[in-house]
PDB file of N, CA and C in Angstrom:
ATOM      1  N   PHE A   1      18.583  -7.641  -3.004  1.00  0.00           N
ATOM      2  CA  PHE A   1      17.470  -8.386  -3.586  1.00  0.00           C
ATOM      3  C   PHE A   1      16.783  -9.263  -2.542  1.00  0.00           C
ATOM      4  N   GLN A   2      17.556  -9.903  -1.686  1.00  0.00           N
ATOM      5  CA  GLN A   2      16.992 -10.788  -0.664  1.00  0.00           C
ATOM      6  C   GLN A   2      16.078 -10.020   0.295  1.00  0.00           C
ATOM      7  N   THR A   3      16.440  -8.792   0.630  1.00  0.00           N
ATOM      8  CA  THR A   3      15.628  -7.973   1.516  1.00  0.00           C
ATOM      9  C   THR A   3      14.274  -7.667   0.886  1.00  0.00           C
ATOM     10  N   VAL A   4      14.264  -7.343  -0.397  1.00  0.00           N
ATOM     11  CA  VAL A   4      13.019  -7.071  -1.108  1.00  0.00           C
ATOM     12  C   VAL A   4      12.166  -8.335  -1.172  1.00  0.00           C
ATOM     13  N   LYS A   5      12.799  -9.453  -1.459  1.00  0.00           N
ATOM     14  CA  LYS A   5      12.085 -10.730  -1.528  1.00  0.00           C
ATOM     15  C   LYS A   5      11.440 -11.060  -0.174  1.00  0.00           C
ATOM     16  N   ASN A   6      12.189 -10.901   0.908  1.00  0.00           N
ATOM     17  CA  ASN A   6      11.635 -11.178   2.244  1.00  0.00           C
ATOM     18  C   ASN A   6      10.494 -10.226   2.572  1.00  0.00           C
ATOM     19  N   PHE A   7      10.623  -8.973   2.178  1.00  0.00           N
ATOM     20  CA  PHE A   7       9.561  -8.001   2.401  1.00  0.00           C
ATOM     21  C   PHE A   7       8.289  -8.415   1.671  1.00  0.00           C
ATOM     22  N   ILE A   8       8.430  -8.823   0.423  1.00  0.00           N
ATOM     23  CA  ILE A   8       7.271  -9.258  -0.370  1.00  0.00           C
ATOM     24  C   ILE A   8       6.641 -10.494   0.254  1.00  0.00           C
ATOM     25  N   LEU A   9       7.453 -11.449   0.676  1.00  0.00           N
ATOM     26  CA  LEU A   9       6.921 -12.659   1.312  1.00  0.00           C
ATOM     27  C   LEU A   9       6.197 -12.320   2.615  1.00  0.00           C
ATOM     28  N   ASP A  10       6.728 -11.355   3.376  1.00  0.00           N
ATOM     29  CA  ASP A  10       6.056 -10.929   4.608  1.00  0.00           C
ATOM     30  C   ASP A  10       4.700 -10.299   4.302  1.00  0.00           C
ATOM     31  N   ILE A  11       4.642  -9.480   3.256  1.00  0.00           N
ATOM     32  CA  ILE A  11       3.377  -8.840   2.871  1.00  0.00           C
ATOM     33  C   ILE A  11       2.367  -9.893   2.426  1.00  0.00           C
ATOM     34  N   VAL A  12       2.807 -10.847   1.612  1.00  0.00           N
ATOM     35  CA  VAL A  12       1.918 -11.912   1.140  1.00  0.00           C
ATOM     36  C   VAL A  12       1.399 -12.724   2.328  1.00  0.00           C
ATOM     37  N   ASP A  13       2.273 -13.034   3.272  1.00  0.00           N
ATOM     38  CA  ASP A  13       1.851 -13.782   4.456  1.00  0.00           C
ATOM     39  C   ASP A  13       0.829 -12.994   5.271  1.00  0.00           C
ATOM     40  N   LEU A  14       1.070 -11.702   5.455  1.00  0.00           N
ATOM     41  CA  LEU A  14       0.134 -10.860   6.193  1.00  0.00           C
ATOM     42  C   LEU A  14      -1.227 -10.812   5.502  1.00  0.00           C
ATOM     43  N   ILE A  15      -1.230 -10.617   4.197  1.00  0.00           N
ATOM     44  CA  ILE A  15      -2.490 -10.553   3.442  1.00  0.00           C
ATOM     45  C   ILE A  15      -3.233 -11.879   3.537  1.00  0.00           C
ATOM     46  N   SER A  16      -2.518 -12.991   3.436  1.00  0.00           N
ATOM     47  CA  SER A  16      -3.185 -14.297   3.504  1.00  0.00           C
ATOM     48  C   SER A  16      -3.828 -14.531   4.864  1.00  0.00           C
ATOM     49  N   GLN A  17      -3.286 -13.902   5.915  1.00  0.00           N
ATOM     50  CA  GLN A  17      -3.884 -14.032   7.235  1.00  0.00           C
ATOM     51  C   GLN A  17      -5.096 -13.133   7.397  1.00  0.00           C
ATOM     52  N   LEU A  18      -5.163 -12.060   6.627  1.00  0.00           N
ATOM     53  CA  LEU A  18      -6.275 -11.137   6.735  1.00  0.00           C
ATOM     54  C   LEU A  18      -7.465 -11.524   5.877  1.00  0.00           C
ATOM     55  N   ILE A  19      -7.222 -12.289   4.829  1.00  0.00           N
ATOM     56  CA  ILE A  19      -8.301 -12.722   3.945  1.00  0.00           C
ATOM     57  C   ILE A  19      -8.928 -13.973   4.550  1.00  0.00           C
ATOM     58  N   PRO A  20     -10.234 -13.980   4.755  1.00  0.00           N
ATOM     59  CA  PRO A  20     -10.874 -15.154   5.360  1.00  0.00           C
ATOM     60  C   PRO A  20     -10.677 -16.411   4.506  1.00  0.00           C
ATOM     61  N   PRO A  21     -10.637 -17.566   5.157  1.00  0.00           N
ATOM     62  CA  PRO A  21     -10.446 -18.818   4.438  1.00  0.00           C
ATOM     63  C   PRO A  21     -11.472 -19.080   3.345  1.00  0.00           C
ATOM     64  N   ILE A  22     -12.661 -18.492   3.426  1.00  0.00           N
ATOM     65  CA  ILE A  22     -13.660 -18.761   2.390  1.00  0.00           C
ATOM     66  C   ILE A  22     -13.284 -18.132   1.064  1.00  0.00           C
ATOM     67  N   PHE A  23     -12.321 -17.203   1.071  1.00  0.00           N
ATOM     68  CA  PHE A  23     -11.908 -16.546  -0.158  1.00  0.00           C
ATOM     69  C   PHE A  23     -10.517 -16.954  -0.608  1.00  0.00           C
ATOM     70  N   SER A  24      -9.886 -17.858   0.084  1.00  0.00           N
ATOM     71  CA  SER A  24      -8.530 -18.267  -0.281  1.00  0.00           C
ATOM     72  C   SER A  24      -8.327 -19.728   0.079  1.00  0.00           C
ATOM     73  N   SER A  25      -7.176 -20.251  -0.290  1.00  0.00           N
ATOM     74  CA  SER A  25      -6.844 -21.627   0.057  1.00  0.00           C
ATOM     75  C   SER A  25      -6.123 -21.696   1.407  1.00  0.00           C
ATOM     76  N   TYR A  26      -5.865 -20.556   2.019  1.00  0.00           N
ATOM     77  CA  TYR A  26      -5.216 -20.506   3.330  1.00  0.00           C
ATOM     78  C   TYR A  26      -6.117 -21.142   4.380  1.00  0.00           C
ATOM     79  N   ARG A  27      -5.548 -21.988   5.194  1.00  0.00           N
ATOM     80  CA  ARG A  27      -6.292 -22.621   6.278  1.00  0.00           C
ATOM     81  C   ARG A  27      -5.579 -22.343   7.584  1.00  0.00           C
ATOM     82  N   TYR A  28      -6.296 -21.743   8.524  1.00  0.00           N
ATOM     83  CA  TYR A  28      -5.729 -21.515   9.851  1.00  0.00           C
ATOM     84  C   TYR A  28      -5.659 -22.837  10.580  1.00  0.00           C
ATOM     85  N   THR A  29      -4.543 -23.101  11.188  1.00  0.00           N
ATOM     86  CA  THR A  29      -4.415 -24.303  12.010  1.00  0.00           C
ATOM     87  C   THR A  29      -3.804 -23.918  13.341  1.00  0.00           C
ATOM     88  N   PHE A  30      -4.236 -24.578  14.368  1.00  0.00           N
ATOM     89  CA  PHE A  30      -3.724 -24.336  15.708  1.00  0.00           C
ATOM     90  C   PHE A  30      -3.144 -25.631  16.225  1.00  0.00           C
ATOM     91  N   SER A  31      -1.983 -25.534  16.838  1.00  0.00           N
ATOM     92  CA  SER A  31      -1.380 -26.706  17.456  1.00  0.00           C
ATOM     93  C   SER A  31      -1.208 -26.426  18.937  1.00  0.00           C
ATOM     94  N   SER A  32      -1.710 -27.309  19.752  1.00  0.00           N
ATOM     95  CA  SER A  32      -1.561 -27.149  21.195  1.00  0.00           C
ATOM     96  C   SER A  32      -0.230 -27.704  21.684  1.00  0.00           C
ATOM     97  N   SER A  33       0.664 -28.075  20.765  1.00  0.00           N
ATOM     98  CA  SER A  33       1.936 -28.675  21.159  1.00  0.00           C
ATOM     99  C   SER A  33       2.794 -27.736  22.004  1.00  0.00           C
ATOM    100  N   HIS A  34       2.594 -26.421  21.869  1.00  0.00           N
ATOM    101  CA  HIS A  34       3.381 -25.487  22.667  1.00  0.00           C
ATOM    102  C   HIS A  34       2.835 -25.306  24.083  1.00  0.00           C
ATOM    103  N   LEU A  35       1.673 -25.871  24.376  1.00  0.00           N
ATOM    104  CA  LEU A  35       1.098 -25.782  25.709  1.00  0.00           C
ATOM    105  C   LEU A  35       1.576 -26.955  26.553  1.00  0.00           C
ATOM    106  N   ASP A  36       1.850 -26.695  27.829  1.00  0.00           N
ATOM    107  CA  ASP A  36       2.250 -27.816  28.675  1.00  0.00           C
ATOM    108  C   ASP A  36       1.030 -28.686  28.972  1.00  0.00           C
ATOM    109  N   GLU A  37       1.275 -29.916  29.367  1.00  0.00           N
ATOM    110  CA  GLU A  37       0.202 -30.890  29.517  1.00  0.00           C
ATOM    111  C   GLU A  37      -0.629 -30.695  30.782  1.00  0.00           C
ATOM    112  N   VAL A  38      -0.156 -29.942  31.753  1.00  0.00           N
ATOM    113  CA  VAL A  38      -0.898 -29.804  33.006  1.00  0.00           C
ATOM    114  C   VAL A  38      -1.777 -28.565  33.047  1.00  0.00           C
ATOM    115  N   THR A  39      -1.540 -27.612  32.171  1.00  0.00           N
ATOM    116  CA  THR A  39      -2.342 -26.398  32.165  1.00  0.00           C
ATOM    117  C   THR A  39      -3.619 -26.629  31.372  1.00  0.00           C
ATOM    118  N   PRO A  40      -4.775 -26.528  32.030  1.00  0.00           N
ATOM    119  CA  PRO A  40      -6.032 -26.707  31.291  1.00  0.00           C
ATOM    120  C   PRO A  40      -6.274 -25.518  30.352  1.00  0.00           C
ATOM    121  N   TYR A  41      -6.908 -25.774  29.265  1.00  0.00           N
ATOM    122  CA  TYR A  41      -7.224 -24.701  28.335  1.00  0.00           C
ATOM    123  C   TYR A  41      -8.512 -25.023  27.607  1.00  0.00           C
ATOM    124  N   ILE A  42      -9.128 -23.995  27.070  1.00  0.00           N
ATOM    125  CA  ILE A  42     -10.332 -24.133  26.264  1.00  0.00           C
ATOM    126  C   ILE A  42     -10.050 -23.457  24.930  1.00  0.00           C
ATOM    127  N   ASP A  43     -10.296 -24.157  23.842  1.00  0.00           N
ATOM    128  CA  ASP A  43     -10.170 -23.564  22.509  1.00  0.00           C
ATOM    129  C   ASP A  43     -11.481 -22.875  22.154  1.00  0.00           C
ATOM    130  N   ILE A  44     -11.403 -21.585  21.839  1.00  0.00           N
ATOM    131  CA  ILE A  44     -12.572 -20.813  21.452  1.00  0.00           C
ATOM    132  C   ILE A  44     -12.357 -20.313  20.029  1.00  0.00           C
ATOM    133  N   LEU A  45     -13.308 -20.598  19.167  1.00  0.00           N
ATOM    134  CA  LEU A  45     -13.260 -20.123  17.786  1.00  0.00           C
ATOM    135  C   LEU A  45     -14.303 -19.038  17.626  1.00  0.00           C
ATOM    136  N   THR A  46     -13.884 -17.872  17.179  1.00  0.00           N
ATOM    137  CA  THR A  46     -14.828 -16.819  16.838  1.00  0.00           C
ATOM    138  C   THR A  46     -14.691 -16.573  15.346  1.00  0.00           C
ATOM    139  N   TYR A  47     -15.837 -16.463  14.682  1.00  0.00           N
ATOM    140  CA  TYR A  47     -15.828 -16.425  13.223  1.00  0.00           C
ATOM    141  C   TYR A  47     -17.022 -15.614  12.735  1.00  0.00           C
ATOM    142  N   ASN A  48     -16.761 -14.673  11.842  1.00  0.00           N
ATOM    143  CA  ASN A  48     -17.845 -13.948  11.191  1.00  0.00           C
ATOM    144  C   ASN A  48     -18.196 -14.738   9.934  1.00  0.00           C
ATOM    145  N   VAL A  49     -19.314 -15.433   9.968  1.00  0.00           N
ATOM    146  CA  VAL A  49     -19.682 -16.327   8.870  1.00  0.00           C
ATOM    147  C   VAL A  49     -20.347 -15.596   7.709  1.00  0.00           C
ATOM    148  N   ALA A  50     -20.638 -14.316   7.866  1.00  0.00           N
ATOM    149  CA  ALA A  50     -21.258 -13.496   6.817  1.00  0.00           C
ATOM    150  C   ALA A  50     -22.610 -14.090   6.417  1.00  0.00           C
ATOM    151  N   PHE A  51     -23.670 -13.466   6.871  1.00  0.00           N
ATOM    152  CA  PHE A  51     -24.999 -14.070   6.759  1.00  0.00           C
ATOM    153  C   PHE A  51     -25.354 -14.521   5.348  1.00  0.00           C
ATOM    154  N   SER A  52     -24.941 -13.790   4.318  1.00  0.00           N
ATOM    155  CA  SER A  52     -25.317 -14.177   2.952  1.00  0.00           C
ATOM    156  C   SER A  52     -24.550 -15.391   2.444  1.00  0.00           C
ATOM    157  N   THR A  53     -23.424 -15.721   3.083  1.00  0.00           N
ATOM    158  CA  THR A  53     -22.638 -16.885   2.671  1.00  0.00           C
ATOM    159  C   THR A  53     -23.442 -18.173   2.793  1.00  0.00           C
ATOM    160  N   ALA A  54     -24.387 -18.220   3.692  1.00  0.00           N
ATOM    161  CA  ALA A  54     -25.201 -19.421   3.889  1.00  0.00           C
ATOM    162  C   ALA A  54     -25.983 -19.784   2.633  1.00  0.00           C
ATOM    163  N   PHE A  55     -26.222 -18.824   1.778  1.00  0.00           N
ATOM    164  CA  PHE A  55     -26.996 -19.062   0.559  1.00  0.00           C
ATOM    165  C   PHE A  55     -26.121 -19.437  -0.639  1.00  0.00           C
ATOM    166  N   HIS A  56     -24.819 -19.584  -0.411  1.00  0.00           N
ATOM    167  CA  HIS A  56     -23.868 -19.982  -1.450  1.00  0.00           C
ATOM    168  C   HIS A  56     -23.194 -21.272  -0.988  1.00  0.00           C
ATOM    169  N   PRO A  57     -23.665 -22.422  -1.462  1.00  0.00           N
ATOM    170  CA  PRO A  57     -23.202 -23.709  -0.918  1.00  0.00           C
ATOM    171  C   PRO A  57     -21.683 -23.895  -0.891  1.00  0.00           C
ATOM    172  N   ARG A  58     -20.985 -23.485  -1.934  1.00  0.00           N
ATOM    173  CA  ARG A  58     -19.529 -23.687  -1.959  1.00  0.00           C
ATOM    174  C   ARG A  58     -18.856 -22.893  -0.838  1.00  0.00           C
ATOM    175  N   ARG A  59     -19.272 -21.645  -0.672  1.00  0.00           N
ATOM    176  CA  ARG A  59     -18.702 -20.815   0.392  1.00  0.00           C
ATOM    177  C   ARG A  59     -19.104 -21.328   1.767  1.00  0.00           C
ATOM    178  N   ALA A  60     -20.356 -21.692   1.912  1.00  0.00           N
ATOM    179  CA  ALA A  60     -20.837 -22.207   3.200  1.00  0.00           C
ATOM    180  C   ALA A  60     -20.078 -23.481   3.591  1.00  0.00           C
ATOM    181  N   ASN A  61     -19.833 -24.350   2.625  1.00  0.00           N
ATOM    182  CA  ASN A  61     -19.094 -25.585   2.918  1.00  0.00           C
ATOM    183  C   ASN A  61     -17.675 -25.303   3.378  1.00  0.00           C
ATOM    184  N   LYS A  62     -17.042 -24.261   2.821  1.00  0.00           N
ATOM    185  CA  LYS A  62     -15.690 -23.895   3.260  1.00  0.00           C
ATOM    186  C   LYS A  62     -15.707 -23.406   4.709  1.00  0.00           C
ATOM    187  N   VAL A  63     -16.712 -22.647   5.062  1.00  0.00           N
ATOM    188  CA  VAL A  63     -16.835 -22.179   6.451  1.00  0.00           C
ATOM    189  C   VAL A  63     -17.070 -23.366   7.372  1.00  0.00           C
ATOM    190  N   ILE A  64     -17.968 -24.258   6.993  1.00  0.00           N
ATOM    191  CA  ILE A  64     -18.261 -25.444   7.800  1.00  0.00           C
ATOM    192  C   ILE A  64     -17.018 -26.306   7.949  1.00  0.00           C
ATOM    193  N   GLU A  65     -16.246 -26.449   6.884  1.00  0.00           N
ATOM    194  CA  GLU A  65     -15.003 -27.225   6.942  1.00  0.00           C
ATOM    195  C   GLU A  65     -14.005 -26.570   7.903  1.00  0.00           C
ATOM    196  N   ALA A  66     -13.883 -25.253   7.839  1.00  0.00           N
ATOM    197  CA  ALA A  66     -12.965 -24.543   8.740  1.00  0.00           C
ATOM    198  C   ALA A  66     -13.375 -24.740  10.200  1.00  0.00           C
ATOM    199  N   ILE A  67     -14.670 -24.699  10.463  1.00  0.00           N
ATOM    200  CA  ILE A  67     -15.159 -24.926  11.828  1.00  0.00           C
ATOM    201  C   ILE A  67     -14.843 -26.358  12.258  1.00  0.00           C
ATOM    202  N   ALA A  68     -15.080 -27.312  11.378  1.00  0.00           N
ATOM    203  CA  ALA A  68     -14.867 -28.728  11.707  1.00  0.00           C
ATOM    204  C   ALA A  68     -13.407 -29.016  12.041  1.00  0.00           C
ATOM    205  N   VAL A  69     -12.481 -28.495  11.251  1.00  0.00           N
ATOM    206  CA  VAL A  69     -11.063 -28.799  11.498  1.00  0.00           C
ATOM    207  C   VAL A  69     -10.503 -28.026  12.678  1.00  0.00           C
ATOM    208  N   SER A  70     -11.228 -27.027  13.161  1.00  0.00           N
ATOM    209  CA  SER A  70     -10.729 -26.248  14.294  1.00  0.00           C
ATOM    210  C   SER A  70     -10.735 -27.049  15.590  1.00  0.00           C
ATOM    211  N   ASN A  71     -11.656 -27.990  15.716  1.00  0.00           N
ATOM    212  CA  ASN A  71     -11.806 -28.761  16.952  1.00  0.00           C
ATOM    213  C   ASN A  71     -11.966 -27.861  18.174  1.00  0.00           C
ATOM    214  N   ALA A  72     -12.571 -26.714  17.981  1.00  0.00           N
ATOM    215  CA  ALA A  72     -12.762 -25.772  19.079  1.00  0.00           C
ATOM    216  C   ALA A  72     -13.740 -26.332  20.105  1.00  0.00           C
ATOM    217  N   ASP A  73     -13.544 -25.943  21.351  1.00  0.00           N
ATOM    218  CA  ASP A  73     -14.462 -26.339  22.416  1.00  0.00           C
ATOM    219  C   ASP A  73     -15.706 -25.456  22.419  1.00  0.00           C
ATOM    220  N   VAL A  74     -15.526 -24.192  22.048  1.00  0.00           N
ATOM    221  CA  VAL A  74     -16.611 -23.217  22.041  1.00  0.00           C
ATOM    222  C   VAL A  74     -16.589 -22.470  20.719  1.00  0.00           C
ATOM    223  N   LEU A  75     -17.766 -22.304  20.104  1.00  0.00           N
ATOM    224  CA  LEU A  75     -17.894 -21.519  18.875  1.00  0.00           C
ATOM    225  C   LEU A  75     -18.657 -20.238  19.173  1.00  0.00           C
ATOM    226  N   CYS A  76     -18.135 -19.122  18.695  1.00  0.00           N
ATOM    227  CA  CYS A  76     -18.827 -17.839  18.791  1.00  0.00           C
ATOM    228  C   CYS A  76     -18.904 -17.298  17.369  1.00  0.00           C
ATOM    229  N   LEU A  77     -20.080 -17.370  16.781  1.00  0.00           N
ATOM    230  CA  LEU A  77     -20.236 -17.018  15.373  1.00  0.00           C
ATOM    231  C   LEU A  77     -21.053 -15.745  15.219  1.00  0.00           C
ATOM    232  N   GLN A  78     -20.586 -14.860  14.365  1.00  0.00           N
ATOM    233  CA  GLN A  78     -21.292 -13.624  14.090  1.00  0.00           C
ATOM    234  C   GLN A  78     -21.963 -13.711  12.730  1.00  0.00           C
ATOM    235  N   GLU A  79     -23.015 -12.939  12.562  1.00  0.00           N
ATOM    236  CA  GLU A  79     -23.795 -12.834  11.329  1.00  0.00           C
ATOM    237  C   GLU A  79     -24.438 -14.161  10.922  1.00  0.00           C
ATOM    238  N   THR A  80     -24.954 -14.856  11.901  1.00  0.00           N
ATOM    239  CA  THR A  80     -25.735 -16.048  11.592  1.00  0.00           C
ATOM    240  C   THR A  80     -27.167 -15.620  11.281  1.00  0.00           C
ATOM    241  N   ASN A  81     -27.909 -16.498  10.667  1.00  0.00           N
ATOM    242  CA  ASN A  81     -29.332 -16.275  10.380  1.00  0.00           C
ATOM    243  C   ASN A  81     -30.013 -17.638  10.412  1.00  0.00           C
ATOM    244  N   ALA A  82     -31.275 -17.702  10.056  1.00  0.00           N
ATOM    245  CA  ALA A  82     -32.008 -18.975  10.115  1.00  0.00           C
ATOM    246  C   ALA A  82     -31.373 -20.036   9.221  1.00  0.00           C
ATOM    247  N   LYS A  83     -30.883 -19.634   8.067  1.00  0.00           N
ATOM    248  CA  LYS A  83     -30.235 -20.582   7.142  1.00  0.00           C
ATOM    249  C   LYS A  83     -28.956 -21.142   7.765  1.00  0.00           C
ATOM    250  N   TRP A  84     -28.136 -20.246   8.346  1.00  0.00           N
ATOM    251  CA  TRP A  84     -26.925 -20.712   9.018  1.00  0.00           C
ATOM    252  C   TRP A  84     -27.275 -21.638  10.177  1.00  0.00           C
ATOM    253  N   LYS A  85     -28.297 -21.275  10.937  1.00  0.00           N
ATOM    254  CA  LYS A  85     -28.700 -22.112  12.063  1.00  0.00           C
ATOM    255  C   LYS A  85     -29.008 -23.528  11.600  1.00  0.00           C
ATOM    256  N   ALA A  86     -29.770 -23.657  10.522  1.00  0.00           N
ATOM    257  CA  ALA A  86     -30.117 -24.985   9.996  1.00  0.00           C
ATOM    258  C   ALA A  86     -28.872 -25.743   9.549  1.00  0.00           C
ATOM    259  N   LEU A  87     -27.984 -25.068   8.830  1.00  0.00           N
ATOM    260  CA  LEU A  87     -26.758 -25.721   8.349  1.00  0.00           C
ATOM    261  C   LEU A  87     -25.870 -26.170   9.505  1.00  0.00           C
ATOM    262  N   LEU A  88     -25.681 -25.287  10.472  1.00  0.00           N
ATOM    263  CA  LEU A  88     -24.792 -25.589  11.594  1.00  0.00           C
ATOM    264  C   LEU A  88     -25.343 -26.684  12.488  1.00  0.00           C
ATOM    265  N   LEU A  89     -26.638 -26.643  12.766  1.00  0.00           N
ATOM    266  CA  LEU A  89     -27.219 -27.689  13.602  1.00  0.00           C
ATOM    267  C   LEU A  89     -27.196 -29.039  12.903  1.00  0.00           C
ATOM    268  N   CYS A  90     -27.419 -29.047  11.603  1.00  0.00           N
ATOM    269  CA  CYS A  90     -27.366 -30.293  10.840  1.00  0.00           C
ATOM    270  C   CYS A  90     -25.977 -30.924  10.929  1.00  0.00           C
ATOM    271  N   LYS A  91     -24.955 -30.105  10.841  1.00  0.00           N
ATOM    272  CA  LYS A  91     -23.581 -30.608  10.820  1.00  0.00           C
ATOM    273  C   LYS A  91     -22.987 -30.832  12.214  1.00  0.00           C
ATOM    274  N   PHE A  92     -23.290 -29.965  13.162  1.00  0.00           N
ATOM    275  CA  PHE A  92     -22.551 -29.960  14.422  1.00  0.00           C
ATOM    276  C   PHE A  92     -23.365 -30.251  15.685  1.00  0.00           C
ATOM    277  N   ARG A  93     -24.602 -30.671  15.554  1.00  0.00           N
ATOM    278  CA  ARG A  93     -25.424 -30.879  16.756  1.00  0.00           C
ATOM    279  C   ARG A  93     -24.777 -31.874  17.724  1.00  0.00           C
ATOM    280  N   ALA A  94     -24.166 -32.924  17.240  1.00  0.00           N
ATOM    281  CA  ALA A  94     -23.548 -33.924  18.116  1.00  0.00           C
ATOM    282  C   ALA A  94     -22.290 -33.370  18.802  1.00  0.00           C
ATOM    283  N   GLU A  95     -21.461 -32.628  18.046  1.00  0.00           N
ATOM    284  CA  GLU A  95     -20.214 -32.105  18.613  1.00  0.00           C
ATOM    285  C   GLU A  95     -20.462 -30.934  19.573  1.00  0.00           C
ATOM    286  N   TYR A  96     -21.516 -30.159  19.290  1.00  0.00           N
ATOM    287  CA  TYR A  96     -21.835 -28.978  20.098  1.00  0.00           C
ATOM    288  C   TYR A  96     -23.300 -29.058  20.544  1.00  0.00           C
ATOM    289  N   PRO A  97     -23.564 -29.823  21.607  1.00  0.00           N
ATOM    290  CA  PRO A  97     -24.960 -30.032  22.017  1.00  0.00           C
ATOM    291  C   PRO A  97     -25.621 -28.797  22.635  1.00  0.00           C
ATOM    292  N   TYR A  98     -24.834 -27.820  23.071  1.00  0.00           N
ATOM    293  CA  TYR A  98     -25.387 -26.610  23.681  1.00  0.00           C
ATOM    294  C   TYR A  98     -25.204 -25.451  22.713  1.00  0.00           C
ATOM    295  N   PHE A  99     -26.280 -24.773  22.409  1.00  0.00           N
ATOM    296  CA  PHE A  99     -26.198 -23.685  21.438  1.00  0.00           C
ATOM    297  C   PHE A  99     -27.239 -22.630  21.757  1.00  0.00           C
ATOM    298  N   HIS A 100     -26.971 -21.438  21.266  1.00  0.00           N
ATOM    299  CA  HIS A 100     -27.926 -20.339  21.382  1.00  0.00           C
ATOM    300  C   HIS A 100     -27.777 -19.452  20.150  1.00  0.00           C
ATOM    301  N   PHE A 101     -28.858 -19.181  19.483  1.00  0.00           N
ATOM    302  CA  PHE A 101     -28.877 -18.265  18.350  1.00  0.00           C
ATOM    303  C   PHE A 101     -29.778 -17.097  18.696  1.00  0.00           C
ATOM    304  N   SER A 102     -29.396 -15.922  18.280  1.00  0.00           N
ATOM    305  CA  SER A 102     -30.195 -14.726  18.481  1.00  0.00           C
ATOM    306  C   SER A 102     -30.240 -13.977  17.159  1.00  0.00           C
ATOM    307  N   HIS A 103     -31.416 -13.886  16.571  1.00  0.00           N
ATOM    308  CA  HIS A 103     -31.552 -13.244  15.265  1.00  0.00           C
ATOM    309  C   HIS A 103     -32.528 -12.080  15.326  1.00  0.00           C
ATOM    310  N   PRO A 104     -32.117 -10.934  14.789  1.00  0.00           N
ATOM    311  CA  PRO A 104     -33.056  -9.806  14.701  1.00  0.00           C
ATOM    312  C   PRO A 104     -34.234 -10.151  13.787  1.00  0.00           C
ATOM    313  N   THR A 105     -35.294  -9.411  13.914  1.00  0.00           N
ATOM    314  CA  THR A 105     -36.492  -9.706  13.114  1.00  0.00           C
ATOM    315  C   THR A 105     -36.530  -8.922  11.810  1.00  0.00           C
ATOM    316  N   GLN A 106     -35.620  -7.984  11.571  1.00  0.00           N
ATOM    317  CA  GLN A 106     -35.633  -7.227  10.323  1.00  0.00           C
ATOM    318  C   GLN A 106     -35.297  -8.117   9.143  1.00  0.00           C
ATOM    319  N   HIS A 107     -35.789  -7.723   7.976  1.00  0.00           N
ATOM    320  CA  HIS A 107     -35.531  -8.467   6.741  1.00  0.00           C
ATOM    321  C   HIS A 107     -34.044  -8.563   6.461  1.00  0.00           C
ATOM    322  N   GLN A 108     -33.542  -9.753   6.201  1.00  0.00           N
ATOM    323  CA  GLN A 108     -32.153 -10.059   5.897  1.00  0.00           C
ATOM    324  C   GLN A 108     -31.189  -9.649   7.006  1.00  0.00           C
ATOM    325  N   ALA A 109     -31.680  -9.472   8.179  1.00  0.00           N
ATOM    326  CA  ALA A 109     -30.795  -9.138   9.293  1.00  0.00           C
ATOM    327  C   ALA A 109     -30.109 -10.402   9.777  1.00  0.00           C
ATOM    328  N   ALA A 110     -28.998 -10.223  10.419  1.00  0.00           N
ATOM    329  CA  ALA A 110     -28.262 -11.364  10.936  1.00  0.00           C
ATOM    330  C   ALA A 110     -27.659 -10.996  12.270  1.00  0.00           C
ATOM    331  N   SER A 111     -27.385 -12.013  13.057  1.00  0.00           N
ATOM    332  CA  SER A 111     -26.788 -11.809  14.369  1.00  0.00           C
ATOM    333  C   SER A 111     -26.058 -13.084  14.754  1.00  0.00           C
ATOM    334  N   GLY A 112     -25.423 -13.075  15.884  1.00  0.00           N
ATOM    335  CA  GLY A 112     -24.666 -14.248  16.334  1.00  0.00           C
ATOM    336  C   GLY A 112     -25.155 -14.783  17.636  1.00  0.00           C
TER     337      GLY A 112
END
């Protein structure tokens, strides 16, 4: 029985890691405690924000919250659009003064 239980818990853990935080209560957290203090490092967050999520405030706020708690040095976001650009600049302009957005011109197109 214990083997089956551990297998199920492993599957649940794997699924929770594959489902983006905007669809679950799972929150990815990173701790630099395992890094030694003399080795320099840069935290890079890459995230597919899903262009249509920007039009759903509850979902967009979850993405913004995940970005905020990441404390990443560099953000690389996919599927941004003009709406995402406005939301992200409003929230993060002070923390991330350097930014570049590239958006296709097709209707409802998105890019990062």
